[in-house]
Amino acid sequence: MSSRTFQCPKCNNADRRKLKEIEDKEKPALYYSMQGTPVFPKKIHCGACGHEWPKTG
């Protein structure tokens, strides 16, 4: 994760240990790497309440 801090819009959790950046495989791949593996857009998952939202920026 980058140095940017995220905060859950649902429960206002800002604990970096409970916020995970995961791939959003429901959306199409952005591009394919040199090895041929797809690179998907990212979303943030809150471990406290289970809410997920797209990563922007």
N, C-alpha and C. Protein backbone atom coordinates (compact mmCIF):
# COMPACT_ATOMS: atom_id res chain seq x y z
N MET A 1 0.84 -1.17 0.00
CA MET A 1 0.00 0.00 0.00
C MET A 1 0.89 1.23 0.00
N SER A 2 0.41 2.27 -0.57
CA SER A 2 1.20 3.50 -0.65
C SER A 2 1.17 4.23 0.69
N SER A 3 1.85 5.36 0.74
CA SER A 3 1.91 6.14 1.97
C SER A 3 0.60 6.89 2.22
N ARG A 4 -0.28 6.89 1.23
CA ARG A 4 -1.57 7.54 1.38
C ARG A 4 -2.43 6.77 2.39
N THR A 5 -3.12 7.48 3.26
CA THR A 5 -3.96 6.81 4.24
C THR A 5 -5.38 6.71 3.69
N PHE A 6 -5.99 5.59 3.92
CA PHE A 6 -7.36 5.36 3.51
C PHE A 6 -8.24 5.33 4.74
N GLN A 7 -9.50 5.64 4.53
CA GLN A 7 -10.48 5.60 5.61
C GLN A 7 -11.77 5.03 5.04
N CYS A 8 -12.35 4.09 5.75
CA CYS A 8 -13.59 3.45 5.30
C CYS A 8 -14.73 4.47 5.32
N PRO A 9 -15.44 4.63 4.20
CA PRO A 9 -16.54 5.60 4.18
C PRO A 9 -17.75 5.13 4.99
N LYS A 10 -17.81 3.84 5.32
CA LYS A 10 -18.96 3.32 6.06
C LYS A 10 -18.76 3.40 7.57
N CYS A 11 -17.61 2.90 8.07
CA CYS A 11 -17.40 2.86 9.52
C CYS A 11 -16.29 3.79 10.00
N ASN A 12 -15.68 4.57 9.10
CA ASN A 12 -14.60 5.52 9.41
C ASN A 12 -13.36 4.86 10.01
N ASN A 13 -13.14 3.60 9.71
CA ASN A 13 -11.95 2.89 10.17
C ASN A 13 -10.74 3.38 9.37
N ALA A 14 -9.66 3.75 10.05
CA ALA A 14 -8.45 4.20 9.38
C ALA A 14 -7.25 3.35 9.77
N ASP A 15 -7.47 2.21 10.41
CA ASP A 15 -6.40 1.31 10.84
C ASP A 15 -5.83 0.59 9.61
N ARG A 16 -4.56 0.86 9.29
CA ARG A 16 -3.95 0.29 8.09
C ARG A 16 -3.88 -1.22 8.13
N ARG A 17 -3.89 -1.81 9.33
CA ARG A 17 -3.83 -3.27 9.44
C ARG A 17 -5.15 -3.91 9.02
N LYS A 18 -6.25 -3.17 9.04
CA LYS A 18 -7.55 -3.72 8.68
C LYS A 18 -8.02 -3.30 7.30
N LEU A 19 -7.29 -2.42 6.63
CA LEU A 19 -7.65 -1.99 5.28
C LEU A 19 -6.71 -2.66 4.30
N LYS A 20 -7.27 -3.44 3.37
CA LYS A 20 -6.45 -4.17 2.41
C LYS A 20 -6.77 -3.74 1.00
N GLU A 21 -5.74 -3.67 0.20
CA GLU A 21 -5.87 -3.34 -1.21
C GLU A 21 -5.90 -4.67 -1.97
N ILE A 22 -7.00 -4.94 -2.67
CA ILE A 22 -7.15 -6.19 -3.39
C ILE A 22 -7.53 -5.92 -4.85
N GLU A 23 -7.37 -6.93 -5.69
CA GLU A 23 -7.74 -6.80 -7.10
C GLU A 23 -9.25 -6.92 -7.25
N ASP A 24 -9.82 -6.11 -8.12
CA ASP A 24 -11.25 -6.14 -8.41
C ASP A 24 -11.45 -6.97 -9.67
N LYS A 25 -11.64 -8.27 -9.51
CA LYS A 25 -11.74 -9.18 -10.65
C LYS A 25 -13.12 -9.17 -11.29
N GLU A 26 -14.04 -8.39 -10.75
CA GLU A 26 -15.35 -8.24 -11.38
C GLU A 26 -15.27 -7.32 -12.59
N LYS A 27 -14.24 -6.48 -12.65
CA LYS A 27 -14.05 -5.56 -13.76
C LYS A 27 -13.02 -6.16 -14.73
N PRO A 28 -13.04 -5.75 -15.99
CA PRO A 28 -12.07 -6.29 -16.94
C PRO A 28 -10.64 -5.85 -16.62
N ALA A 29 -9.68 -6.63 -17.08
CA ALA A 29 -8.27 -6.34 -16.84
C ALA A 29 -7.89 -5.02 -17.51
N LEU A 30 -7.05 -4.25 -16.84
CA LEU A 30 -6.58 -2.98 -17.39
C LEU A 30 -5.59 -3.24 -18.52
N TYR A 31 -4.68 -4.17 -18.30
CA TYR A 31 -3.68 -4.54 -19.30
C TYR A 31 -3.08 -5.88 -18.90
N TYR A 32 -2.22 -6.42 -19.74
CA TYR A 32 -1.53 -7.67 -19.45
C TYR A 32 -0.04 -7.38 -19.30
N SER A 33 0.58 -7.97 -18.28
CA SER A 33 2.00 -7.73 -18.03
C SER A 33 2.84 -8.44 -19.08
N MET A 34 4.14 -8.23 -19.01
CA MET A 34 5.06 -8.87 -19.96
C MET A 34 5.03 -10.39 -19.85
N GLN A 35 4.67 -10.92 -18.68
CA GLN A 35 4.59 -12.37 -18.50
C GLN A 35 3.26 -12.92 -18.97
N GLY A 36 2.33 -12.05 -19.34
CA GLY A 36 1.03 -12.48 -19.84
C GLY A 36 -0.05 -12.56 -18.77
N THR A 37 0.26 -12.15 -17.54
CA THR A 37 -0.75 -12.19 -16.49
C THR A 37 -1.57 -10.90 -16.50
N PRO A 38 -2.87 -10.99 -16.29
CA PRO A 38 -3.71 -9.79 -16.31
C PRO A 38 -3.48 -8.92 -15.07
N VAL A 39 -3.58 -7.62 -15.26
CA VAL A 39 -3.48 -6.65 -14.16
C VAL A 39 -4.85 -6.01 -14.01
N PHE A 40 -5.48 -6.26 -12.87
CA PHE A 40 -6.84 -5.79 -12.62
C PHE A 40 -6.82 -4.48 -11.84
N PRO A 41 -7.92 -3.70 -11.92
CA PRO A 41 -8.00 -2.50 -11.09
C PRO A 41 -8.07 -2.89 -9.61
N LYS A 42 -7.72 -1.97 -8.73
CA LYS A 42 -7.68 -2.25 -7.29
C LYS A 42 -8.92 -1.71 -6.58
N LYS A 43 -9.25 -2.35 -5.47
CA LYS A 43 -10.29 -1.84 -4.58
C LYS A 43 -9.80 -2.04 -3.16
N ILE A 44 -10.39 -1.29 -2.24
CA ILE A 44 -10.01 -1.34 -0.83
C ILE A 44 -11.08 -2.12 -0.08
N HIS A 45 -10.63 -3.04 0.79
CA HIS A 45 -11.54 -3.85 1.60
C HIS A 45 -11.30 -3.54 3.07
N CYS A 46 -12.38 -3.20 3.77
CA CYS A 46 -12.31 -2.91 5.21
C CYS A 46 -12.53 -4.20 5.98
N GLY A 47 -11.56 -4.57 6.80
CA GLY A 47 -11.67 -5.78 7.60
C GLY A 47 -12.58 -5.62 8.81
N ALA A 48 -12.91 -4.40 9.17
CA ALA A 48 -13.76 -4.16 10.33
C ALA A 48 -15.24 -4.36 9.99
N CYS A 49 -15.69 -3.79 8.86
CA CYS A 49 -17.12 -3.88 8.52
C CYS A 49 -17.39 -4.66 7.23
N GLY A 50 -16.34 -4.95 6.43
CA GLY A 50 -16.51 -5.72 5.21
C GLY A 50 -16.86 -4.89 3.99
N HIS A 51 -16.90 -3.58 4.12
CA HIS A 51 -17.25 -2.70 3.01
C HIS A 51 -16.09 -2.65 2.01
N GLU A 52 -16.41 -2.59 0.71
CA GLU A 52 -15.41 -2.48 -0.34
C GLU A 52 -15.74 -1.28 -1.22
N TRP A 53 -14.69 -0.56 -1.65
CA TRP A 53 -14.88 0.59 -2.53
C TRP A 53 -13.68 0.66 -3.46
N PRO A 54 -13.87 1.25 -4.65
CA PRO A 54 -12.77 1.31 -5.62
C PRO A 54 -11.67 2.26 -5.17
N LYS A 55 -10.44 1.88 -5.49
CA LYS A 55 -9.30 2.74 -5.19
C LYS A 55 -9.22 3.81 -6.27
N THR A 56 -9.09 5.05 -5.86
CA THR A 56 -8.95 6.14 -6.81
C THR A 56 -7.58 6.76 -6.63
N GLY A 57 -7.02 7.15 -7.74
CA GLY A 57 -5.73 7.83 -7.67
C GLY A 57 -4.56 6.97 -7.78
